[in-house]
Protein backbone atom coordinates (compact mmCIF):
# COMPACT_ATOMS: atom_id res chain seq x y z
CA MET A 1 261.23 152.10 75.10
CA THR A 2 257.91 153.59 74.01
CA GLU A 3 256.27 152.71 70.72
CA GLU A 4 257.00 156.23 69.45
CA GLU A 5 260.70 155.81 70.33
CA ARG A 6 260.74 152.43 68.54
CA TYR A 7 259.39 154.04 65.34
CA ALA A 8 261.95 156.83 65.65
CA SER A 9 264.75 154.25 66.08
CA LEU A 10 263.59 152.31 63.02
CA HIS A 11 263.44 155.49 60.95
CA ASN A 12 266.90 156.61 62.14
CA TYR A 13 268.55 153.22 61.54
CA ARG A 14 266.97 152.85 58.09
CA LYS A 15 268.02 156.39 57.16
CA LYS A 16 271.58 155.89 58.42
CA TYR A 17 272.26 152.43 56.95
CA CYS A 18 269.93 152.28 53.95
CA ASN A 19 269.32 155.91 52.97
CA ASP A 20 265.62 155.14 53.51
CA LYS A 21 263.55 158.18 54.40
CA GLN A 22 260.24 156.33 54.76
CA THR A 23 258.08 157.01 57.79
CA TYR A 24 256.94 153.73 59.33
CA ASP A 25 253.68 152.89 61.11
CA LYS A 26 251.56 149.84 62.00
CA GLU A 27 250.60 149.29 58.36
CA SER A 28 254.18 149.43 57.04
CA GLU A 29 255.98 146.56 55.38
CA LEU A 30 259.71 146.20 55.88
CA ASP A 31 261.64 144.26 53.24
CA LEU A 32 265.22 143.22 53.98
CA ASP A 33 267.45 141.54 51.42
CA TYR A 34 270.45 140.02 53.19
CA ASP A 35 272.40 140.06 49.91
CA LYS A 36 272.37 143.87 50.08
CA ALA A 37 275.16 145.33 52.20
CA GLN A 38 273.00 148.17 53.52
CA ASP A 39 270.25 145.80 54.75
CA LYS A 40 272.85 143.58 56.38
CA ALA A 41 274.44 146.62 58.10
CA PHE A 42 270.99 147.68 59.32
CA VAL A 43 270.33 144.22 60.82
CA GLN A 44 273.77 144.10 62.43
CA ALA A 45 273.32 147.53 64.04
CA TYR A 46 269.83 146.70 65.27
CA ALA A 47 271.02 143.37 66.68
CA THR A 48 274.04 144.93 68.39
CA HIS A 49 271.78 147.23 70.39
CA SER A 50 268.90 144.70 70.79
CA THR A 51 266.59 147.47 69.61
CA PRO A 52 262.96 146.28 69.52
CA LEU A 53 261.13 146.81 66.25
CA PRO A 54 257.89 148.80 66.42
CA PRO A 55 254.59 147.24 65.29
CA LEU A 56 254.58 146.55 61.54
CA LYS A 57 252.22 144.84 59.12
CA ARG A 58 254.86 142.62 57.53
CA LEU A 59 258.56 141.85 57.75
CA SER A 60 260.24 139.99 54.93
CA ILE A 61 263.82 138.76 55.13
CA GLU A 62 265.20 137.46 51.83
CA ASN A 63 268.44 135.58 51.14
CA ALA A 64 269.19 134.56 54.71
CA PRO A 65 272.55 132.76 54.87
CA ARG A 66 273.03 129.34 56.43
CA GLU A 67 274.13 130.95 59.70
CA ASP A 68 274.51 134.52 60.84
CA PRO A 69 274.70 135.48 64.53
CA SER A 70 273.51 139.05 63.88
CA LEU A 71 270.48 137.89 61.92
CA THR A 72 269.69 135.29 64.58
CA ALA A 73 269.91 137.96 67.31
CA PHE A 74 267.77 140.38 65.25
CA ILE A 75 265.06 137.75 64.76
CA GLY A 76 265.11 136.58 68.37
CA ASN A 77 265.44 139.94 70.13
CA SER A 78 264.07 142.68 67.87
CA VAL A 79 261.36 141.04 65.77
CA PRO A 80 259.03 139.59 68.47
CA HIS A 81 258.19 143.14 69.60
CA ALA A 82 256.90 144.09 66.14
CA GLN A 83 253.49 142.44 66.58
CA LEU A 84 253.61 141.45 62.92
CA LYS A 85 250.67 140.26 60.90
CA ARG A 86 252.99 138.44 58.48
CA PHE A 87 256.60 137.30 58.68
CA ASN A 88 258.46 135.91 55.66
CA PHE A 89 261.88 134.32 56.03
CA ARG A 90 263.61 133.00 52.89
CA SER A 91 266.84 131.03 52.71
CA ASN A 92 269.47 131.96 50.14
CA ASP A 93 269.85 128.23 49.43
CA THR A 94 267.34 125.59 48.41
CA HIS A 95 266.87 123.19 51.33
CA GLY A 96 268.38 125.54 53.89
CA GLN A 97 268.86 124.18 57.38
CA LEU A 98 267.26 126.26 60.13
CA GLY A 99 270.08 125.44 62.57
CA GLY A 100 270.64 128.37 64.92
CA TYR A 101 267.63 130.24 63.54
CA LEU A 102 265.19 127.69 64.99
CA LYS A 103 265.29 129.02 68.55
CA ALA A 104 264.91 132.62 67.33
CA LEU A 105 262.00 131.63 65.09
CA GLU A 106 260.35 129.92 68.06
CA THR A 107 260.36 133.32 69.77
CA VAL A 108 258.88 135.12 66.75
CA ALA A 109 256.22 132.66 65.57
CA PRO A 110 253.78 133.12 68.49
CA SER A 111 253.90 136.92 68.12
CA VAL A 112 252.80 136.85 64.44
CA SER A 113 249.02 137.13 64.09
CA GLU A 114 248.34 135.86 60.54
CA GLN A 115 251.14 134.06 58.72
CA VAL A 116 254.69 132.84 59.18
CA GLU A 117 256.21 131.81 55.86
CA LEU A 118 259.50 129.89 55.81
CA VAL A 119 260.67 129.61 52.21
CA GLU A 120 263.44 127.26 51.00
CA TRP A 121 264.02 125.92 54.51
CA ASP A 122 263.89 122.21 55.29
CA ILE A 123 261.55 121.30 58.12
CA THR A 124 262.94 117.84 58.81
CA SER A 125 260.66 116.55 61.56
CA THR A 126 257.28 116.85 63.17
CA GLY A 127 259.09 117.93 66.35
CA MET A 128 260.68 120.85 64.52
CA MET A 129 257.32 121.88 63.07
CA ASN A 130 255.66 121.65 66.46
CA ARG A 131 258.27 124.02 67.90
CA LEU A 132 257.19 126.65 65.36
CA VAL A 133 253.39 126.42 65.65
């Protein structure tokens, strides 16, 4: 899939599931709140088709639940292609456990050029931290 097709897919999915008419480019920031049904539907659709995200400046995912197979698939399969400068991933619970997200985050972290921010997640060991850096 070409970069142009990836931007078109993002635009079409965001329009269909979130009524978002924004045009995205390399300097765009995509904010997803997993407490919002439309953002969750967008992630689920993207994950179902393993559609790669186009290059973006920042992706922020707020209110990630303890476990969610669609979100895990989205992070592991779609996000690494985005060539992000910054990636923010926030748990919906203080002291969230990375669990199934860890392997997906391992795939994303090396593709982010400036900052990976994991908020409200417990990093319980040096080994876990080493897997992410």
